[in-house]
């Protein structure tokens, strides 16, 4: 009986070892949005859109087009927060002085 107990213990050890996984988990993200004037609902052009994560390499910046639309495409680790900041940098050139705004997206 001592042999079977030892054999069971040796073969049972593999059960608790973690499985080998290859590669790094990643996901392709696309954030699309439209920036409009709150009162008139007209699109706002040339608003700077900044995408930030908890680490600098994933930061990205785009501007809204003539329709107030923007698109951010990137590859990142799944899970975690992404921050989107909108800033008006050109004063009244785009039709007004707009306050900065932000939102958090959890993946």
PDB file of N, CA and C in Angstrom:
ATOM      1  N   UNK A   1       0.813  -1.203   0.000  1.00  0.00           N
ATOM      2  CA  UNK A   1       0.000   0.000   0.000  1.00  0.00           C
ATOM      3  C   UNK A   1       0.854   1.264   0.000  1.00  0.00           C
ATOM      4  N   UNK A   2       2.038   1.194   0.517  1.00  0.00           N
ATOM      5  CA  UNK A   2       2.911   2.366   0.526  1.00  0.00           C
ATOM      6  C   UNK A   2       3.256   2.795  -0.896  1.00  0.00           C
ATOM      7  N   UNK A   3       3.439   1.873  -1.813  1.00  0.00           N
ATOM      8  CA  UNK A   3       3.769   2.189  -3.202  1.00  0.00           C
ATOM      9  C   UNK A   3       2.633   2.963  -3.866  1.00  0.00           C
ATOM     10  N   UNK A   4       1.407   2.545  -3.689  1.00  0.00           N
ATOM     11  CA  UNK A   4       0.270   3.212  -4.313  1.00  0.00           C
ATOM     12  C   UNK A   4       0.038   4.608  -3.730  1.00  0.00           C
ATOM     13  N   UNK A   5       0.289   4.774  -2.474  1.00  0.00           N
ATOM     14  CA  UNK A   5       0.141   6.087  -1.862  1.00  0.00           C
ATOM     15  C   UNK A   5       1.170   7.055  -2.432  1.00  0.00           C
ATOM     16  N   UNK A   6       2.399   6.626  -2.551  1.00  0.00           N
ATOM     17  CA  UNK A   6       3.458   7.451  -3.102  1.00  0.00           C
ATOM     18  C   UNK A   6       3.182   7.780  -4.568  1.00  0.00           C
ATOM     19  N   UNK A   7       2.754   6.798  -5.337  1.00  0.00           N
ATOM     20  CA  UNK A   7       2.444   7.000  -6.744  1.00  0.00           C
ATOM     21  C   UNK A   7       1.305   8.011  -6.895  1.00  0.00           C
ATOM     22  N   UNK A   8       0.296   7.888  -6.070  1.00  0.00           N
ATOM     23  CA  UNK A   8      -0.820   8.832  -6.118  1.00  0.00           C
ATOM     24  C   UNK A   8      -0.381  10.243  -5.783  1.00  0.00           C
ATOM     25  N   UNK A   9       0.531  10.383  -4.876  1.00  0.00           N
ATOM     26  CA  UNK A   9       1.028  11.698  -4.496  1.00  0.00           C
ATOM     27  C   UNK A   9       1.870  12.305  -5.611  1.00  0.00           C
ATOM     28  N   UNK A  10       2.702  11.522  -6.233  1.00  0.00           N
ATOM     29  CA  UNK A  10       3.566  12.031  -7.300  1.00  0.00           C
ATOM     30  C   UNK A  10       2.740  12.439  -8.517  1.00  0.00           C
ATOM     31  N   UNK A  11       1.822  11.608  -8.968  1.00  0.00           N
ATOM     32  CA  UNK A  11       1.032  11.948 -10.147  1.00  0.00           C
ATOM     33  C   UNK A  11       0.021  13.044  -9.832  1.00  0.00           C
ATOM     34  N   UNK A  12      -0.384  13.163  -8.586  1.00  0.00           N
ATOM     35  CA  UNK A  12      -1.338  14.202  -8.212  1.00  0.00           C
ATOM     36  C   UNK A  12      -0.722  15.589  -8.179  1.00  0.00           C
ATOM     37  N   UNK A  13       0.589  15.705  -8.132  1.00  0.00           N
ATOM     38  CA  UNK A  13       1.233  17.017  -8.077  1.00  0.00           C
ATOM     39  C   UNK A  13       1.006  17.822  -9.345  1.00  0.00           C
ATOM     40  N   UNK A  14       0.945  17.171 -10.484  1.00  0.00           N
ATOM     41  CA  UNK A  14       0.743  17.885 -11.746  1.00  0.00           C
ATOM     42  C   UNK A  14      -0.603  18.590 -11.788  1.00  0.00           C
ATOM     43  N   UNK A  15      -1.543  18.143 -11.045  1.00  0.00           N
ATOM     44  CA  UNK A  15      -2.875  18.730 -11.055  1.00  0.00           C
ATOM     45  C   UNK A  15      -2.853  20.186 -10.585  1.00  0.00           C
ATOM     46  N   UNK A  16      -1.956  20.518  -9.673  1.00  0.00           N
ATOM     47  CA  UNK A  16      -1.933  21.855  -9.088  1.00  0.00           C
ATOM     48  C   UNK A  16      -0.993  22.824  -9.798  1.00  0.00           C
ATOM     49  N   UNK A  17      -0.231  22.366 -10.779  1.00  0.00           N
ATOM     50  CA  UNK A  17       0.668  23.270 -11.484  1.00  0.00           C
ATOM     51  C   UNK A  17      -0.119  24.110 -12.481  1.00  0.00           C
ATOM     52  N   UNK A  18       0.247  25.364 -12.643  1.00  0.00           N
ATOM     53  CA  UNK A  18      -0.462  26.199 -13.623  1.00  0.00           C
ATOM     54  C   UNK A  18      -0.173  25.737 -15.048  1.00  0.00           C
ATOM     55  N   UNK A  19      -1.148  25.920 -15.916  1.00  0.00           N
ATOM     56  CA  UNK A  19      -0.959  25.575 -17.318  1.00  0.00           C
ATOM     57  C   UNK A  19      -0.060  26.601 -17.983  1.00  0.00           C
ATOM     58  N   UNK A  20       0.690  26.136 -18.950  1.00  0.00           N
ATOM     59  CA  UNK A  20       1.529  27.048 -19.725  1.00  0.00           C
ATOM     60  C   UNK A  20       0.661  27.773 -20.740  1.00  0.00           C
ATOM     61  N   UNK A  21       0.761  29.070 -20.779  1.00  0.00           N
ATOM     62  CA  UNK A  21       0.065  29.865 -21.776  1.00  0.00           C
ATOM     63  C   UNK A  21       1.111  30.685 -22.514  1.00  0.00           C
ATOM     64  N   UNK A  22       0.977  30.718 -23.805  1.00  0.00           N
ATOM     65  CA  UNK A  22       1.963  31.402 -24.625  1.00  0.00           C
ATOM     66  C   UNK A  22       1.398  32.712 -25.154  1.00  0.00           C
ATOM     67  N   UNK A  23       2.257  33.697 -25.290  1.00  0.00           N
ATOM     68  CA  UNK A  23       1.824  34.988 -25.810  1.00  0.00           C
ATOM     69  C   UNK A  23       1.329  35.900 -24.705  1.00  0.00           C
ATOM     70  N   UNK A  24       0.935  37.068 -25.097  1.00  0.00           N
ATOM     71  CA  UNK A  24       0.419  38.064 -24.171  1.00  0.00           C
ATOM     72  C   UNK A  24      -1.017  38.374 -24.545  1.00  0.00           C
ATOM     73  N   UNK A  25      -1.930  38.345 -23.592  1.00  0.00           N
ATOM     74  CA  UNK A  25      -3.310  38.675 -23.940  1.00  0.00           C
ATOM     75  C   UNK A  25      -3.396  40.114 -24.451  1.00  0.00           C
ATOM     76  N   UNK A  26      -4.109  40.299 -25.544  1.00  0.00           N
ATOM     77  CA  UNK A  26      -4.284  41.643 -26.089  1.00  0.00           C
ATOM     78  C   UNK A  26      -5.629  41.728 -26.790  1.00  0.00           C
ATOM     79  N   UNK A  27      -6.066  42.939 -27.021  1.00  0.00           N
ATOM     80  CA  UNK A  27      -7.338  43.168 -27.705  1.00  0.00           C
ATOM     81  C   UNK A  27      -7.203  44.404 -28.584  1.00  0.00           C
ATOM     82  N   UNK A  28      -7.907  44.394 -29.702  1.00  0.00           N
ATOM     83  CA  UNK A  28      -7.972  45.563 -30.576  1.00  0.00           C
ATOM     84  C   UNK A  28      -9.163  46.416 -30.148  1.00  0.00           C
ATOM     85  N   UNK A  29      -8.913  47.674 -29.889  1.00  0.00           N
ATOM     86  CA  UNK A  29      -9.955  48.596 -29.452  1.00  0.00           C
ATOM     87  C   UNK A  29     -10.203  49.649 -30.524  1.00  0.00           C
ATOM     88  N   UNK A  30     -11.452  50.074 -30.644  1.00  0.00           N
ATOM     89  CA  UNK A  30     -11.827  51.207 -31.488  1.00  0.00           C
ATOM     90  C   UNK A  30     -12.798  52.055 -30.669  1.00  0.00           C
ATOM     91  N   UNK A  31     -12.393  53.271 -30.366  1.00  0.00           N
ATOM     92  CA  UNK A  31     -13.269  54.220 -29.685  1.00  0.00           C
ATOM     93  C   UNK A  31     -13.694  55.261 -30.711  1.00  0.00           C
ATOM     94  N   UNK A  32     -14.989  55.372 -30.922  1.00  0.00           N
ATOM     95  CA  UNK A  32     -15.535  56.371 -31.841  1.00  0.00           C
ATOM     96  C   UNK A  32     -16.431  57.307 -31.052  1.00  0.00           C
ATOM     97  N   UNK A  33     -16.427  58.567 -31.439  1.00  0.00           N
ATOM     98  CA  UNK A  33     -17.281  59.513 -30.744  1.00  0.00           C
ATOM     99  C   UNK A  33     -17.577  60.728 -31.589  1.00  0.00           C
ATOM    100  N   UNK A  34     -18.464  61.540 -31.089  1.00  0.00           N
ATOM    101  CA  UNK A  34     -18.836  62.790 -31.758  1.00  0.00           C
ATOM    102  C   UNK A  34     -18.961  63.866 -30.691  1.00  0.00           C
ATOM    103  N   UNK A  35     -18.339  65.002 -30.938  1.00  0.00           N
ATOM    104  CA  UNK A  35     -18.376  66.127 -30.008  1.00  0.00           C
ATOM    105  C   UNK A  35     -19.316  67.180 -30.588  1.00  0.00           C
ATOM    106  N   UNK A  36     -20.324  67.533 -29.788  1.00  0.00           N
ATOM    107  CA  UNK A  36     -21.314  68.521 -30.233  1.00  0.00           C
ATOM    108  C   UNK A  36     -21.487  69.595 -29.162  1.00  0.00           C
ATOM    109  N   UNK A  37     -21.947  70.759 -29.596  1.00  0.00           N
ATOM    110  CA  UNK A  37     -22.296  71.835 -28.683  1.00  0.00           C
ATOM    111  C   UNK A  37     -23.520  71.392 -27.880  1.00  0.00           C
ATOM    112  N   UNK A  38     -23.458  71.514 -26.574  1.00  0.00           N
ATOM    113  CA  UNK A  38     -24.531  71.015 -25.708  1.00  0.00           C
ATOM    114  C   UNK A  38     -25.877  71.670 -26.000  1.00  0.00           C
ATOM    115  N   UNK A  39     -25.889  72.956 -26.257  1.00  0.00           N
ATOM    116  CA  UNK A  39     -27.173  73.643 -26.456  1.00  0.00           C
ATOM    117  C   UNK A  39     -27.688  73.539 -27.892  1.00  0.00           C
ATOM    118  N   UNK A  40     -26.819  73.680 -28.883  1.00  0.00           N
ATOM    119  CA  UNK A  40     -27.283  73.674 -30.278  1.00  0.00           C
ATOM    120  C   UNK A  40     -27.203  72.296 -30.940  1.00  0.00           C
ATOM    121  N   UNK A  41     -26.460  71.369 -30.345  1.00  0.00           N
ATOM    122  CA  UNK A  41     -26.221  70.029 -30.896  1.00  0.00           C
ATOM    123  C   UNK A  41     -25.458  70.059 -32.224  1.00  0.00           C
ATOM    124  N   UNK A  42     -24.808  71.176 -32.531  1.00  0.00           N
ATOM    125  CA  UNK A  42     -23.990  71.269 -33.740  1.00  0.00           C
ATOM    126  C   UNK A  42     -22.623  70.647 -33.464  1.00  0.00           C
ATOM    127  N   UNK A  43     -22.047  69.960 -34.471  1.00  0.00           N
ATOM    128  CA  UNK A  43     -20.730  69.347 -34.288  1.00  0.00           C
ATOM    129  C   UNK A  43     -19.643  70.401 -34.093  1.00  0.00           C
ATOM    130  N   UNK A  44     -18.630  70.049 -33.323  1.00  0.00           N
ATOM    131  CA  UNK A  44     -17.513  70.961 -33.058  1.00  0.00           C
ATOM    132  C   UNK A  44     -16.251  70.361 -33.672  1.00  0.00           C
ATOM    133  N   UNK A  45     -15.625  71.123 -34.543  1.00  0.00           N
ATOM    134  CA  UNK A  45     -14.409  70.673 -35.216  1.00  0.00           C
ATOM    135  C   UNK A  45     -13.159  71.037 -34.411  1.00  0.00           C
ATOM    136  N   UNK A  46     -12.084  70.326 -34.672  1.00  0.00           N
ATOM    137  CA  UNK A  46     -10.758  70.596 -34.088  1.00  0.00           C
ATOM    138  C   UNK A  46     -10.705  70.561 -32.565  1.00  0.00           C
ATOM    139  N   UNK A  47     -11.496  69.703 -31.963  1.00  0.00           N
ATOM    140  CA  UNK A  47     -11.367  69.461 -30.520  1.00  0.00           C
ATOM    141  C   UNK A  47     -10.302  68.380 -30.342  1.00  0.00           C
ATOM    142  N   UNK A  48      -9.354  68.623 -29.463  1.00  0.00           N
ATOM    143  CA  UNK A  48      -8.304  67.631 -29.228  1.00  0.00           C
ATOM    144  C   UNK A  48      -8.851  66.533 -28.327  1.00  0.00           C
ATOM    145  N   UNK A  49      -8.728  65.296 -28.782  1.00  0.00           N
ATOM    146  CA  UNK A  49      -9.162  64.122 -28.031  1.00  0.00           C
ATOM    147  C   UNK A  49      -7.912  63.359 -27.612  1.00  0.00           C
ATOM    148  N   UNK A  50      -7.757  63.161 -26.317  1.00  0.00           N
ATOM    149  CA  UNK A  50      -6.588  62.466 -25.778  1.00  0.00           C
ATOM    150  C   UNK A  50      -7.048  61.170 -25.131  1.00  0.00           C
ATOM    151  N   UNK A  51      -6.416  60.079 -25.523  1.00  0.00           N
ATOM    152  CA  UNK A  51      -6.673  58.775 -24.904  1.00  0.00           C
ATOM    153  C   UNK A  51      -5.512  58.468 -23.972  1.00  0.00           C
ATOM    154  N   UNK A  52      -5.826  58.151 -22.730  1.00  0.00           N
ATOM    155  CA  UNK A  52      -4.783  57.819 -21.754  1.00  0.00           C
ATOM    156  C   UNK A  52      -5.127  56.513 -21.058  1.00  0.00           C
ATOM    157  N   UNK A  53      -4.078  55.812 -20.682  1.00  0.00           N
ATOM    158  CA  UNK A  53      -4.217  54.624 -19.845  1.00  0.00           C
ATOM    159  C   UNK A  53      -3.343  54.840 -18.620  1.00  0.00           C
ATOM    160  N   UNK A  54      -3.174  53.817 -17.824  1.00  0.00           N
ATOM    161  CA  UNK A  54      -2.355  53.936 -16.633  1.00  0.00           C
ATOM    162  C   UNK A  54      -0.867  53.946 -16.918  1.00  0.00           C
ATOM    163  N   UNK A  55      -0.481  53.824 -18.179  1.00  0.00           N
ATOM    164  CA  UNK A  55       0.931  53.823 -18.542  1.00  0.00           C
ATOM    165  C   UNK A  55       1.090  54.616 -19.841  1.00  0.00           C
ATOM    166  N   UNK A  56       2.195  55.319 -19.963  1.00  0.00           N
ATOM    167  CA  UNK A  56       2.395  56.291 -21.045  1.00  0.00           C
ATOM    168  C   UNK A  56       2.398  55.729 -22.467  1.00  0.00           C
ATOM    169  N   UNK A  57       2.954  54.560 -22.770  1.00  0.00           N
ATOM    170  CA  UNK A  57       3.032  54.146 -24.179  1.00  0.00           C
ATOM    171  C   UNK A  57       1.688  54.068 -24.898  1.00  0.00           C
ATOM    172  N   UNK A  58       0.594  53.942 -24.180  1.00  0.00           N
ATOM    173  CA  UNK A  58      -0.705  53.800 -24.840  1.00  0.00           C
ATOM    174  C   UNK A  58      -1.407  55.136 -25.067  1.00  0.00           C
ATOM    175  N   UNK A  59      -0.812  56.234 -24.649  1.00  0.00           N
ATOM    176  CA  UNK A  59      -1.451  57.534 -24.841  1.00  0.00           C
ATOM    177  C   UNK A  59      -1.481  57.893 -26.321  1.00  0.00           C
ATOM    178  N   UNK A  60      -2.581  58.500 -26.764  1.00  0.00           N
ATOM    179  CA  UNK A  60      -2.739  58.865 -28.164  1.00  0.00           C
ATOM    180  C   UNK A  60      -3.588  60.125 -28.251  1.00  0.00           C
ATOM    181  N   UNK A  61      -3.398  60.903 -29.311  1.00  0.00           N
ATOM    182  CA  UNK A  61      -4.146  62.141 -29.493  1.00  0.00           C
ATOM    183  C   UNK A  61      -4.636  62.240 -30.931  1.00  0.00           C
ATOM    184  N   UNK A  62      -5.904  62.623 -31.096  1.00  0.00           N
ATOM    185  CA  UNK A  62      -6.493  62.902 -32.411  1.00  0.00           C
ATOM    186  C   UNK A  62      -7.328  64.173 -32.276  1.00  0.00           C
ATOM    187  N   UNK A  63      -7.805  64.692 -33.403  1.00  0.00           N
ATOM    188  CA  UNK A  63      -8.712  65.847 -33.391  1.00  0.00           C
ATOM    189  C   UNK A  63     -10.015  65.468 -34.073  1.00  0.00           C
ATOM    190  N   UNK A  64     -11.078  66.161 -33.683  1.00  0.00           N
ATOM    191  CA  UNK A  64     -12.365  65.915 -34.329  1.00  0.00           C
ATOM    192  C   UNK A  64     -12.350  66.499 -35.744  1.00  0.00           C
ATOM    193  N   UNK A  65     -13.107  65.846 -36.641  1.00  0.00           N
ATOM    194  CA  UNK A  65     -13.191  66.319 -38.026  1.00  0.00           C
ATOM    195  C   UNK A  65     -14.302  67.371 -38.153  1.00  0.00           C
ATOM    196  N   UNK A  66     -14.634  67.746 -39.374  1.00  0.00           N
ATOM    197  CA  UNK A  66     -15.648  68.782 -39.621  1.00  0.00           C
ATOM    198  C   UNK A  66     -17.025  68.382 -39.109  1.00  0.00           C
ATOM    199  N   UNK A  67     -17.271  67.073 -38.955  1.00  0.00           N
ATOM    200  CA  UNK A  67     -18.547  66.578 -38.426  1.00  0.00           C
ATOM    201  C   UNK A  67     -18.503  66.372 -36.915  1.00  0.00           C
ATOM    202  N   UNK A  68     -17.391  66.780 -36.279  1.00  0.00           N
ATOM    203  CA  UNK A  68     -17.237  66.614 -34.840  1.00  0.00           C
ATOM    204  C   UNK A  68     -16.887  65.198 -34.425  1.00  0.00           C
ATOM    205  N   UNK A  69     -16.548  64.341 -35.386  1.00  0.00           N
ATOM    206  CA  UNK A  69     -16.301  62.922 -35.102  1.00  0.00           C
ATOM    207  C   UNK A  69     -14.816  62.645 -34.907  1.00  0.00           C
ATOM    208  N   UNK A  70     -14.538  61.615 -34.116  1.00  0.00           N
ATOM    209  CA  UNK A  70     -13.166  61.152 -33.931  1.00  0.00           C
ATOM    210  C   UNK A  70     -13.168  59.634 -33.848  1.00  0.00           C
ATOM    211  N   UNK A  71     -11.990  59.061 -34.083  1.00  0.00           N
ATOM    212  CA  UNK A  71     -11.831  57.611 -33.972  1.00  0.00           C
ATOM    213  C   UNK A  71     -10.431  57.316 -33.458  1.00  0.00           C
ATOM    214  N   UNK A  72     -10.350  56.510 -32.426  1.00  0.00           N
ATOM    215  CA  UNK A  72      -9.084  56.060 -31.857  1.00  0.00           C
ATOM    216  C   UNK A  72      -9.005  54.550 -32.027  1.00  0.00           C
ATOM    217  N   UNK A  73      -7.941  54.058 -32.662  1.00  0.00           N
ATOM    218  CA  UNK A  73      -7.728  52.617 -32.821  1.00  0.00           C
ATOM    219  C   UNK A  73      -6.412  52.269 -32.142  1.00  0.00           C
ATOM    220  N   UNK A  74      -6.428  51.211 -31.344  1.00  0.00           N
ATOM    221  CA  UNK A  74      -5.205  50.804 -30.665  1.00  0.00           C
ATOM    222  C   UNK A  74      -5.331  49.365 -30.189  1.00  0.00           C
ATOM    223  N   UNK A  75      -4.202  48.783 -29.853  1.00  0.00           N
ATOM    224  CA  UNK A  75      -4.132  47.435 -29.307  1.00  0.00           C
ATOM    225  C   UNK A  75      -3.612  47.561 -27.887  1.00  0.00           C
ATOM    226  N   UNK A  76      -4.263  46.885 -26.950  1.00  0.00           N
ATOM    227  CA  UNK A  76      -3.882  47.036 -25.547  1.00  0.00           C
ATOM    228  C   UNK A  76      -4.260  45.772 -24.787  1.00  0.00           C
ATOM    229  N   UNK A  77      -3.852  45.705 -23.536  1.00  0.00           N
ATOM    230  CA  UNK A  77      -4.253  44.611 -22.667  1.00  0.00           C
ATOM    231  C   UNK A  77      -5.742  44.725 -22.370  1.00  0.00           C
ATOM    232  N   UNK A  78      -6.487  43.626 -22.413  1.00  0.00           N
ATOM    233  CA  UNK A  78      -7.906  43.697 -22.040  1.00  0.00           C
ATOM    234  C   UNK A  78      -8.054  43.908 -20.534  1.00  0.00           C
ATOM    235  N   UNK A  79      -9.095  44.570 -20.147  1.00  0.00           N
ATOM    236  CA  UNK A  79      -9.334  44.845 -18.732  1.00  0.00           C
ATOM    237  C   UNK A  79      -8.553  46.071 -18.305  1.00  0.00           C
ATOM    238  N   UNK A  80      -9.203  46.962 -17.644  1.00  0.00           N
ATOM    239  CA  UNK A  80      -8.534  48.183 -17.207  1.00  0.00           C
ATOM    240  C   UNK A  80      -9.277  49.404 -17.700  1.00  0.00           C
ATOM    241  N   UNK A  81      -8.887  50.537 -17.175  1.00  0.00           N
ATOM    242  CA  UNK A  81      -9.564  51.783 -17.515  1.00  0.00           C
ATOM    243  C   UNK A  81      -8.853  52.523 -18.638  1.00  0.00           C
ATOM    244  N   UNK A  82      -9.635  53.201 -19.439  1.00  0.00           N
ATOM    245  CA  UNK A  82      -9.148  54.096 -20.484  1.00  0.00           C
ATOM    246  C   UNK A  82      -9.830  55.438 -20.245  1.00  0.00           C
ATOM    247  N   UNK A  83      -9.054  56.505 -20.305  1.00  0.00           N
ATOM    248  CA  UNK A  83      -9.601  57.840 -20.085  1.00  0.00           C
ATOM    249  C   UNK A  83      -9.571  58.604 -21.400  1.00  0.00           C
ATOM    250  N   UNK A  84     -10.685  59.248 -21.721  1.00  0.00           N
ATOM    251  CA  UNK A  84     -10.804  60.062 -22.919  1.00  0.00           C
ATOM    252  C   UNK A  84     -11.024  61.514 -22.478  1.00  0.00           C
ATOM    253  N   UNK A  85     -10.126  62.392 -22.895  1.00  0.00           N
ATOM    254  CA  UNK A  85     -10.209  63.810 -22.562  1.00  0.00           C
ATOM    255  C   UNK A  85     -10.497  64.605 -23.834  1.00  0.00           C
ATOM    256  N   UNK A  86     -11.363  65.601 -23.738  1.00  0.00           N
ATOM    257  CA  UNK A  86     -11.664  66.494 -24.855  1.00  0.00           C
ATOM    258  C   UNK A  86     -11.288  67.911 -24.450  1.00  0.00           C
ATOM    259  N   UNK A  87     -10.492  68.574 -25.295  1.00  0.00           N
ATOM    260  CA  UNK A  87     -10.023  69.928 -24.992  1.00  0.00           C
ATOM    261  C   UNK A  87     -10.183  70.835 -26.211  1.00  0.00           C
ATOM    262  N   UNK A  88     -10.671  72.032 -25.970  1.00  0.00           N
ATOM    263  CA  UNK A  88     -10.785  73.057 -27.010  1.00  0.00           C
ATOM    264  C   UNK A  88      -9.533  73.919 -26.929  1.00  0.00           C
ATOM    265  N   UNK A  89      -8.688  73.844 -27.949  1.00  0.00           N
ATOM    266  CA  UNK A  89      -7.415  74.559 -27.913  1.00  0.00           C
ATOM    267  C   UNK A  89      -7.383  75.820 -28.761  1.00  0.00           C
ATOM    268  N   UNK A  90      -8.385  76.025 -29.614  1.00  0.00           N
ATOM    269  CA  UNK A  90      -8.288  77.132 -30.565  1.00  0.00           C
ATOM    270  C   UNK A  90      -9.163  78.336 -30.216  1.00  0.00           C
ATOM    271  N   UNK A  91      -9.612  78.417 -28.988  1.00  0.00           N
ATOM    272  CA  UNK A  91     -10.431  79.560 -28.588  1.00  0.00           C
ATOM    273  C   UNK A  91     -11.769  79.565 -29.298  1.00  0.00           C
ATOM    274  N   UNK A  92     -12.137  80.705 -29.870  1.00  0.00           N
ATOM    275  CA  UNK A  92     -13.445  80.830 -30.527  1.00  0.00           C
ATOM    276  C   UNK A  92     -13.410  80.444 -32.004  1.00  0.00           C
ATOM    277  N   UNK A  93     -12.281  80.007 -32.514  1.00  0.00           N
ATOM    278  CA  UNK A  93     -12.146  79.666 -33.933  1.00  0.00           C
ATOM    279  C   UNK A  93     -13.173  78.611 -34.373  1.00  0.00           C
ATOM    280  N   UNK A  94     -13.501  77.674 -33.497  1.00  0.00           N
ATOM    281  CA  UNK A  94     -14.455  76.620 -33.859  1.00  0.00           C
ATOM    282  C   UNK A  94     -15.883  76.947 -33.408  1.00  0.00           C
ATOM    283  N   UNK A  95     -16.158  78.198 -33.139  1.00  0.00           N
ATOM    284  CA  UNK A  95     -17.523  78.600 -32.831  1.00  0.00           C
ATOM    285  C   UNK A  95     -17.814  78.914 -31.381  1.00  0.00           C
ATOM    286  N   UNK A  96     -16.849  78.800 -30.521  1.00  0.00           N
ATOM    287  CA  UNK A  96     -17.101  79.112 -29.122  1.00  0.00           C
ATOM    288  C   UNK A  96     -15.945  78.736 -28.231  1.00  0.00           C
ATOM    289  N   UNK A  97     -16.078  79.074 -26.960  1.00  0.00           N
ATOM    290  CA  UNK A  97     -15.120  78.648 -25.944  1.00  0.00           C
ATOM    291  C   UNK A  97     -15.761  77.483 -25.197  1.00  0.00           C
ATOM    292  N   UNK A  98     -15.181  76.312 -25.312  1.00  0.00           N
ATOM    293  CA  UNK A  98     -15.773  75.119 -24.718  1.00  0.00           C
ATOM    294  C   UNK A  98     -14.923  74.618 -23.565  1.00  0.00           C
ATOM    295  N   UNK A  99     -15.583  74.194 -22.505  1.00  0.00           N
ATOM    296  CA  UNK A  99     -14.888  73.616 -21.360  1.00  0.00           C
ATOM    297  C   UNK A  99     -14.376  72.227 -21.713  1.00  0.00           C
ATOM    298  N   UNK A 100     -13.275  71.849 -21.097  1.00  0.00           N
ATOM    299  CA  UNK A 100     -12.757  70.492 -21.267  1.00  0.00           C
ATOM    300  C   UNK A 100     -13.697  69.510 -20.590  1.00  0.00           C
ATOM    301  N   UNK A 101     -13.686  68.285 -21.079  1.00  0.00           N
ATOM    302  CA  UNK A 101     -14.538  67.242 -20.504  1.00  0.00           C
ATOM    303  C   UNK A 101     -13.808  65.917 -20.618  1.00  0.00           C
ATOM    304  N   UNK A 102     -14.253  64.924 -19.875  1.00  0.00           N
ATOM    305  CA  UNK A 102     -13.610  63.614 -19.923  1.00  0.00           C
ATOM    306  C   UNK A 102     -14.618  62.522 -19.597  1.00  0.00           C
ATOM    307  N   UNK A 103     -14.234  61.304 -19.949  1.00  0.00           N
ATOM    308  CA  UNK A 103     -15.024  60.139 -19.566  1.00  0.00           C
ATOM    309  C   UNK A 103     -14.091  58.966 -19.385  1.00  0.00           C
ATOM    310  N   UNK A 104     -14.531  57.993 -18.604  1.00  0.00           N
ATOM    311  CA  UNK A 104     -13.759  56.790 -18.348  1.00  0.00           C
ATOM    312  C   UNK A 104     -14.467  55.606 -18.980  1.00  0.00           C
ATOM    313  N   UNK A 105     -13.693  54.796 -19.703  1.00  0.00           N
ATOM    314  CA  UNK A 105     -14.216  53.584 -20.328  1.00  0.00           C
ATOM    315  C   UNK A 105     -13.500  52.411 -19.691  1.00  0.00           C
ATOM    316  N   UNK A 106     -14.242  51.452 -19.166  1.00  0.00           N
ATOM    317  CA  UNK A 106     -13.640  50.263 -18.574  1.00  0.00           C
ATOM    318  C   UNK A 106     -13.759  49.125 -19.562  1.00  0.00           C
ATOM    319  N   UNK A 107     -12.616  48.515 -19.866  1.00  0.00           N
ATOM    320  CA  UNK A 107     -12.634  47.386 -20.799  1.00  0.00           C
ATOM    321  C   UNK A 107     -12.610  46.114 -20.005  1.00  0.00           C
TER     322      UNK A 107
END
